[in-house]
PDB file of N, CA and C in Angstrom:
ATOM      1  N   MET A   1       0.882  -1.120  -0.086  1.00  0.00           N
ATOM      2  CA  MET A   1       0.051  -0.075   0.066  1.00  0.00           C
ATOM      3  C   MET A   1       0.941   1.144   0.086  1.00  0.00           C
ATOM      4  N   LYS A   2       0.441   2.207  -0.786  1.00  0.00           N
ATOM      5  CA  LYS A   2       1.171   3.417  -0.842  1.00  0.00           C
ATOM      6  C   LYS A   2       0.294   4.659  -0.797  1.00  0.00           C
ATOM      7  N   LEU A   3       0.568   5.592   0.017  1.00  0.00           N
ATOM      8  CA  LEU A   3      -0.290   6.784   0.336  1.00  0.00           C
ATOM      9  C   LEU A   3       0.517   8.002  -0.307  1.00  0.00           C
ATOM     10  N   THR A   4      -0.170   8.779  -1.136  1.00  0.00           N
ATOM     11  CA  THR A   4       0.544   9.990  -1.695  1.00  0.00           C
ATOM     12  C   THR A   4      -0.327  11.135  -1.459  1.00  0.00           C
ATOM     13  N   TYR A   5       0.180  12.321  -1.375  1.00  0.00           N
ATOM     14  CA  TYR A   5      -0.631  13.491  -1.149  1.00  0.00           C
ATOM     15  C   TYR A   5       0.046  14.686  -1.948  1.00  0.00           C
ATOM     16  N   ASP A   6      -0.873  15.210  -2.911  1.00  0.00           N
ATOM     17  CA  ASP A   6      -0.499  16.357  -3.653  1.00  0.00           C
ATOM     18  C   ASP A   6      -1.081  17.605  -2.919  1.00  0.00           C
ATOM     19  N   ARG A   7      -0.119  18.349  -2.325  1.00  0.00           N
ATOM     20  CA  ARG A   7      -0.604  19.525  -1.610  1.00  0.00           C
ATOM     21  C   ARG A   7      -1.089  20.611  -2.518  1.00  0.00           C
ATOM     22  N   ASP A   8      -0.696  20.716  -3.699  1.00  0.00           N
ATOM     23  CA  ASP A   8      -1.177  21.742  -4.566  1.00  0.00           C
ATOM     24  C   ASP A   8      -2.637  21.434  -5.007  1.00  0.00           C
ATOM     25  N   ALA A   9      -2.801  20.206  -5.200  1.00  0.00           N
ATOM     26  CA  ALA A   9      -4.359  19.753  -5.567  1.00  0.00           C
ATOM     27  C   ALA A   9      -5.133  19.405  -4.505  1.00  0.00           C
ATOM     28  N   ASP A  10      -4.613  19.382  -3.273  1.00  0.00           N
ATOM     29  CA  ASP A  10      -5.146  18.935  -2.150  1.00  0.00           C
ATOM     30  C   ASP A  10      -5.833  17.594  -2.339  1.00  0.00           C
ATOM     31  N   ALA A  11      -5.003  16.586  -2.833  1.00  0.00           N
ATOM     32  CA  ALA A  11      -5.629  15.268  -3.291  1.00  0.00           C
ATOM     33  C   ALA A  11      -4.777  14.218  -2.498  1.00  0.00           C
ATOM     34  N   LEU A  12      -5.470  13.323  -1.958  1.00  0.00           N
ATOM     35  CA  LEU A  12      -4.907  12.103  -1.338  1.00  0.00           C
ATOM     36  C   LEU A  12      -5.114  10.834  -2.209  1.00  0.00           C
ATOM     37  N   TYR A  13      -4.183  10.089  -2.436  1.00  0.00           N
ATOM     38  CA  TYR A  13      -4.521   8.754  -3.181  1.00  0.00           C
ATOM     39  C   TYR A  13      -3.944   7.464  -2.422  1.00  0.00           C
ATOM     40  N   ILE A  14      -4.746   6.622  -2.066  1.00  0.00           N
ATOM     41  CA  ILE A  14      -4.204   5.426  -1.340  1.00  0.00           C
ATOM     42  C   ILE A  14      -4.195   4.389  -2.444  1.00  0.00           C
ATOM     43  N   ARG A  15      -3.011   3.891  -2.728  1.00  0.00           N
ATOM     44  CA  ARG A  15      -2.805   2.827  -3.779  1.00  0.00           C
ATOM     45  C   ARG A  15      -2.731   1.512  -2.880  1.00  0.00           C
ATOM     46  N   LEU A  16      -3.588   0.614  -3.339  1.00  0.00           N
ATOM     47  CA  LEU A  16      -3.618  -0.735  -2.747  1.00  0.00           C
ATOM     48  C   LEU A  16      -3.125  -1.895  -3.504  1.00  0.00           C
ATOM     49  N   LEU A  17      -2.987  -1.667  -4.957  1.00  0.00           N
ATOM     50  CA  LEU A  17      -2.232  -2.712  -5.620  1.00  0.00           C
ATOM     51  C   LEU A  17      -1.154  -1.927  -6.565  1.00  0.00           C
ATOM     52  N   ASP A  18      -0.080  -2.571  -6.604  1.00  0.00           N
ATOM     53  CA  ASP A  18       1.035  -2.176  -7.434  1.00  0.00           C
ATOM     54  C   ASP A  18       0.787  -2.482  -8.859  1.00  0.00           C
ATOM     55  N   GLY A  19       1.527  -1.737  -9.683  1.00  0.00           N
ATOM     56  CA  GLY A  19       1.531  -2.141 -11.182  1.00  0.00           C
ATOM     57  C   GLY A  19       0.498  -1.202 -12.005  1.00  0.00           C
ATOM     58  N   ASP A  20       0.573  -1.460 -13.304  1.00  0.00           N
ATOM     59  CA  ASP A  20      -0.282  -0.575 -14.151  1.00  0.00           C
ATOM     60  C   ASP A  20      -1.570  -1.444 -14.285  1.00  0.00           C
ATOM     61  N   HIS A  21      -2.655  -0.687 -14.127  1.00  0.00           N
ATOM     62  CA  HIS A  21      -4.101  -1.291 -14.274  1.00  0.00           C
ATOM     63  C   HIS A  21      -4.958  -0.470 -15.017  1.00  0.00           C
ATOM     64  N   GLN A  22      -5.726  -1.063 -16.021  1.00  0.00           N
ATOM     65  CA  GLN A  22      -6.736  -0.439 -16.783  1.00  0.00           C
ATOM     66  C   GLN A  22      -7.891  -0.159 -15.611  1.00  0.00           C
ATOM     67  N   CYS A  23      -8.338   1.021 -15.276  1.00  0.00           N
ATOM     68  CA  CYS A  23      -9.247   0.994 -14.190  1.00  0.00           C
ATOM     69  C   CYS A  23     -10.472   1.654 -14.628  1.00  0.00           C
ATOM     70  N   ARG A  24     -11.580   1.149 -13.893  1.00  0.00           N
ATOM     71  CA  ARG A  24     -13.001   1.724 -14.001  1.00  0.00           C
ATOM     72  C   ARG A  24     -13.108   2.529 -12.613  1.00  0.00           C
ATOM     73  N   VAL A  25     -13.468   3.898 -13.042  1.00  0.00           N
ATOM     74  CA  VAL A  25     -13.678   4.859 -11.752  1.00  0.00           C
ATOM     75  C   VAL A  25     -15.083   4.818 -11.283  1.00  0.00           C
ATOM     76  N   VAL A  26     -15.242   4.664  -9.979  1.00  0.00           N
ATOM     77  CA  VAL A  26     -16.585   4.811  -9.435  1.00  0.00           C
ATOM     78  C   VAL A  26     -16.699   5.798  -8.441  1.00  0.00           C
ATOM     79  N   ARG A  27     -17.290   6.862  -8.645  1.00  0.00           N
ATOM     80  CA  ARG A  27     -17.404   8.014  -7.653  1.00  0.00           C
ATOM     81  C   ARG A  27     -18.478   7.832  -6.596  1.00  0.00           C
ATOM     82  N   LEU A  28     -17.880   7.812  -5.299  1.00  0.00           N
ATOM     83  CA  LEU A  28     -18.811   7.591  -4.193  1.00  0.00           C
ATOM     84  C   LEU A  28     -19.402   8.996  -3.894  1.00  0.00           C
ATOM     85  N   THR A  29     -18.643  10.090  -3.883  1.00  0.00           N
ATOM     86  CA  THR A  29     -19.131  11.409  -3.623  1.00  0.00           C
ATOM     87  C   THR A  29     -18.563  12.239  -4.682  1.00  0.00           C
ATOM     88  N   GLU A  30     -18.609  13.679  -4.491  1.00  0.00           N
ATOM     89  CA  GLU A  30     -18.015  14.636  -5.568  1.00  0.00           C
ATOM     90  C   GLU A  30     -16.395  14.422  -5.170  1.00  0.00           C
ATOM     91  N   ASP A  31     -16.009  14.294  -3.992  1.00  0.00           N
ATOM     92  CA  ASP A  31     -14.635  14.272  -3.415  1.00  0.00           C
ATOM     93  C   ASP A  31     -14.012  12.805  -3.391  1.00  0.00           C
ATOM     94  N   ILE A  32     -14.653  11.654  -3.485  1.00  0.00           N
ATOM     95  CA  ILE A  32     -14.103  10.404  -3.302  1.00  0.00           C
ATOM     96  C   ILE A  32     -14.420   9.525  -4.441  1.00  0.00           C
ATOM     97  N   ALA A  33     -13.394   8.970  -4.951  1.00  0.00           N
ATOM     98  CA  ALA A  33     -13.557   7.990  -6.069  1.00  0.00           C
ATOM     99  C   ALA A  33     -12.829   6.689  -5.868  1.00  0.00           C
ATOM    100  N   LEU A  34     -13.299   5.556  -6.337  1.00  0.00           N
ATOM    101  CA  LEU A  34     -12.684   4.331  -6.115  1.00  0.00           C
ATOM    102  C   LEU A  34     -12.175   3.893  -7.593  1.00  0.00           C
ATOM    103  N   ASP A  35     -11.072   3.258  -7.795  1.00  0.00           N
ATOM    104  CA  ASP A  35     -10.414   2.723  -9.019  1.00  0.00           C
ATOM    105  C   ASP A  35     -10.604   1.280  -8.972  1.00  0.00           C
ATOM    106  N   PHE A  36     -11.259   0.537  -9.729  1.00  0.00           N
ATOM    107  CA  PHE A  36     -11.453  -0.747  -9.988  1.00  0.00           C
ATOM    108  C   PHE A  36     -10.714  -1.338 -11.175  1.00  0.00           C
ATOM    109  N   ALA A  37      -9.861  -2.363 -11.024  1.00  0.00           N
ATOM    110  CA  ALA A  37      -9.275  -3.072 -12.136  1.00  0.00           C
ATOM    111  C   ALA A  37     -10.257  -4.357 -12.447  1.00  0.00           C
ATOM    112  N   THR A  38      -9.695  -5.008 -13.448  1.00  0.00           N
ATOM    113  CA  THR A  38     -10.434  -6.186 -13.952  1.00  0.00           C
ATOM    114  C   THR A  38     -10.651  -7.024 -12.752  1.00  0.00           C
ATOM    115  N   GLY A  39     -11.713  -7.721 -12.632  1.00  0.00           N
ATOM    116  CA  GLY A  39     -12.167  -8.766 -11.649  1.00  0.00           C
ATOM    117  C   GLY A  39     -12.529  -7.949 -10.534  1.00  0.00           C
ATOM    118  N   GLU A  40     -12.949  -6.624 -10.506  1.00  0.00           N
ATOM    119  CA  GLU A  40     -13.469  -5.855  -9.518  1.00  0.00           C
ATOM    120  C   GLU A  40     -12.364  -5.708  -8.370  1.00  0.00           C
ATOM    121  N   LYS A  41     -11.151  -5.779  -8.680  1.00  0.00           N
ATOM    122  CA  LYS A  41     -10.050  -5.551  -7.745  1.00  0.00           C
ATOM    123  C   LYS A  41      -9.887  -4.179  -7.469  1.00  0.00           C
ATOM    124  N   LEU A  42     -10.031  -3.634  -6.157  1.00  0.00           N
ATOM    125  CA  LEU A  42      -9.800  -2.246  -5.756  1.00  0.00           C
ATOM    126  C   LEU A  42      -8.502  -1.742  -5.786  1.00  0.00           C
ATOM    127  N   VAL A  43      -8.133  -1.004  -6.801  1.00  0.00           N
ATOM    128  CA  VAL A  43      -6.655  -0.499  -6.982  1.00  0.00           C
ATOM    129  C   VAL A  43      -6.316   0.636  -6.001  1.00  0.00           C
ATOM    130  N   GLY A  44      -7.133   1.482  -5.974  1.00  0.00           N
ATOM    131  CA  GLY A  44      -6.963   2.749  -5.189  1.00  0.00           C
ATOM    132  C   GLY A  44      -8.167   3.513  -4.975  1.00  0.00           C
ATOM    133  N   ILE A  45      -8.019   4.533  -4.066  1.00  0.00           N
ATOM    134  CA  ILE A  45      -8.919   5.491  -3.463  1.00  0.00           C
ATOM    135  C   ILE A  45      -8.540   6.901  -3.641  1.00  0.00           C
ATOM    136  N   GLU A  46      -9.150   7.713  -4.334  1.00  0.00           N
ATOM    137  CA  GLU A  46      -8.802   9.077  -4.454  1.00  0.00           C
ATOM    138  C   GLU A  46      -9.747  10.087  -3.598  1.00  0.00           C
ATOM    139  N   VAL A  47      -9.045  10.878  -2.847  1.00  0.00           N
ATOM    140  CA  VAL A  47      -9.758  11.846  -1.993  1.00  0.00           C
ATOM    141  C   VAL A  47      -9.348  13.207  -2.406  1.00  0.00           C
ATOM    142  N   LEU A  48     -10.367  13.977  -2.842  1.00  0.00           N
ATOM    143  CA  LEU A  48     -10.095  15.372  -3.062  1.00  0.00           C
ATOM    144  C   LEU A  48     -10.472  16.158  -1.950  1.00  0.00           C
ATOM    145  N   HIS A  49     -10.009  17.429  -1.779  1.00  0.00           N
ATOM    146  CA  HIS A  49     -10.065  18.164  -0.716  1.00  0.00           C
ATOM    147  C   HIS A  49      -9.801  17.583   0.582  1.00  0.00           C
ATOM    148  N   ALA A  50      -8.604  16.831   0.562  1.00  0.00           N
ATOM    149  CA  ALA A  50      -8.332  15.897   1.645  1.00  0.00           C
ATOM    150  C   ALA A  50      -7.978  16.642   2.988  1.00  0.00           C
ATOM    151  N   SER A  51      -7.430  17.792   2.973  1.00  0.00           N
ATOM    152  CA  SER A  51      -7.077  18.453   4.065  1.00  0.00           C
ATOM    153  C   SER A  51      -8.257  18.911   4.978  1.00  0.00           C
ATOM    154  N   ALA A  52      -9.372  18.925   4.428  1.00  0.00           N
ATOM    155  CA  ALA A  52     -10.725  19.115   5.176  1.00  0.00           C
ATOM    156  C   ALA A  52     -10.971  18.010   6.098  1.00  0.00           C
ATOM    157  N   MET A  53     -10.353  16.856   5.822  1.00  0.00           N
ATOM    158  CA  MET A  53     -10.729  15.615   6.633  1.00  0.00           C
ATOM    159  C   MET A  53      -9.871  15.401   7.869  1.00  0.00           C
ATOM    160  N   PHE A  54      -8.970  16.383   8.040  1.00  0.00           N
ATOM    161  CA  PHE A  54      -7.905  16.206   9.209  1.00  0.00           C
ATOM    162  C   PHE A  54      -8.198  17.346  10.159  1.00  0.00           C
ATOM    163  N   GLU A  55      -8.165  17.118  11.432  1.00  0.00           N
ATOM    164  CA  GLU A  55      -8.220  18.171  12.414  1.00  0.00           C
ATOM    165  C   GLU A  55      -7.053  19.188  12.171  1.00  0.00           C
ATOM    166  N   GLN A  56      -5.865  18.629  12.045  1.00  0.00           N
ATOM    167  CA  GLN A  56      -4.601  19.413  11.714  1.00  0.00           C
ATOM    168  C   GLN A  56      -4.013  19.053  10.282  1.00  0.00           C
ATOM    169  N   PRO A  57      -4.635  19.703   9.361  1.00  0.00           N
ATOM    170  CA  PRO A  57      -4.146  19.251   7.960  1.00  0.00           C
ATOM    171  C   PRO A  57      -2.671  19.319   7.813  1.00  0.00           C
ATOM    172  N   ASP A  58      -1.904  20.118   8.554  1.00  0.00           N
ATOM    173  CA  ASP A  58      -0.361  20.218   8.219  1.00  0.00           C
ATOM    174  C   ASP A  58       0.181  19.131   8.955  1.00  0.00           C
ATOM    175  N   LYS A  59      -0.468  18.323   9.951  1.00  0.00           N
ATOM    176  CA  LYS A  59       0.061  17.268  10.693  1.00  0.00           C
ATOM    177  C   LYS A  59      -0.980  16.160  10.803  1.00  0.00           C
ATOM    178  N   PRO A  60      -1.325  15.503   9.685  1.00  0.00           N
ATOM    179  CA  PRO A  60      -2.304  14.523   9.724  1.00  0.00           C
ATOM    180  C   PRO A  60      -1.822  13.325  10.585  1.00  0.00           C
ATOM    181  N   SER A  61      -2.765  12.737  11.232  1.00  0.00           N
ATOM    182  CA  SER A  61      -2.458  11.507  12.037  1.00  0.00           C
ATOM    183  C   SER A  61      -3.056  10.240  11.140  1.00  0.00           C
ATOM    184  N   VAL A  62      -2.097   9.341  11.042  1.00  0.00           N
ATOM    185  CA  VAL A  62      -2.351   8.073  10.361  1.00  0.00           C
ATOM    186  C   VAL A  62      -2.003   7.021  11.190  1.00  0.00           C
ATOM    187  N   GLU A  63      -2.907   6.021  11.338  1.00  0.00           N
ATOM    188  CA  GLU A  63      -2.930   4.852  12.122  1.00  0.00           C
ATOM    189  C   GLU A  63      -2.978   3.495  11.286  1.00  0.00           C
ATOM    190  N   LEU A  64      -2.070   2.798  11.443  1.00  0.00           N
ATOM    191  CA  LEU A  64      -1.916   1.505  10.851  1.00  0.00           C
ATOM    192  C   LEU A  64      -2.135   0.211  11.708  1.00  0.00           C
ATOM    193  N   ARG A  65      -3.013  -0.680  11.474  1.00  0.00           N
ATOM    194  CA  ARG A  65      -3.217  -1.755  12.382  1.00  0.00           C
ATOM    195  C   ARG A  65      -3.146  -3.038  11.779  1.00  0.00           C
ATOM    196  N   ASP A  66      -2.758  -4.114  12.532  1.00  0.00           N
ATOM    197  CA  ASP A  66      -2.781  -5.474  12.088  1.00  0.00           C
ATOM    198  C   ASP A  66      -2.216  -5.612  10.784  1.00  0.00           C
ATOM    199  N   LEU A  67      -1.018  -5.115  10.396  1.00  0.00           N
ATOM    200  CA  LEU A  67      -0.221  -5.274   9.321  1.00  0.00           C
ATOM    201  C   LEU A  67       0.818  -6.331   9.411  1.00  0.00           C
ATOM    202  N   LEU A  68       0.879  -7.226   8.421  1.00  0.00           N
ATOM    203  CA  LEU A  68       1.783  -8.259   8.451  1.00  0.00           C
ATOM    204  C   LEU A  68       3.169  -7.830   7.819  1.00  0.00           C
ATOM    205  N   ALA A  69       4.229  -8.099   8.325  1.00  0.00           N
ATOM    206  CA  ALA A  69       5.631  -7.730   7.751  1.00  0.00           C
ATOM    207  C   ALA A  69       5.773  -8.414   6.561  1.00  0.00           C
ATOM    208  N   LYS A  70       6.330  -7.759   5.453  1.00  0.00           N
ATOM    209  CA  LYS A  70       6.775  -8.466   4.180  1.00  0.00           C
ATOM    210  C   LYS A  70       8.186  -8.798   4.225  1.00  0.00           C
ATOM    211  N   VAL A  71       8.286 -10.145   4.064  1.00  0.00           N
ATOM    212  CA  VAL A  71       9.567 -10.733   4.206  1.00  0.00           C
ATOM    213  C   VAL A  71      10.137 -10.951   2.832  1.00  0.00           C
ATOM    214  N   SER A  72      11.362 -10.502   2.641  1.00  0.00           N
ATOM    215  CA  SER A  72      12.112 -10.792   1.336  1.00  0.00           C
ATOM    216  C   SER A  72      12.926 -11.965   1.253  1.00  0.00           C
TER     217      SER A  72
END
């Protein structure tokens, strides 16, 4: 998983699957879109006006739980 934030666009993107995918976009709201690949696999989530979702936009809090370590 990869999180990216474009400060100029105020857009957050949460990429769940690596690689290039031909995606179908499903808009949940005006500000939130889901990208689905073949087989209805969720590739990523785009959040526009993302800073409005945090109490402190300059210092957003991120909590990760129950993640398994990747062993190479």
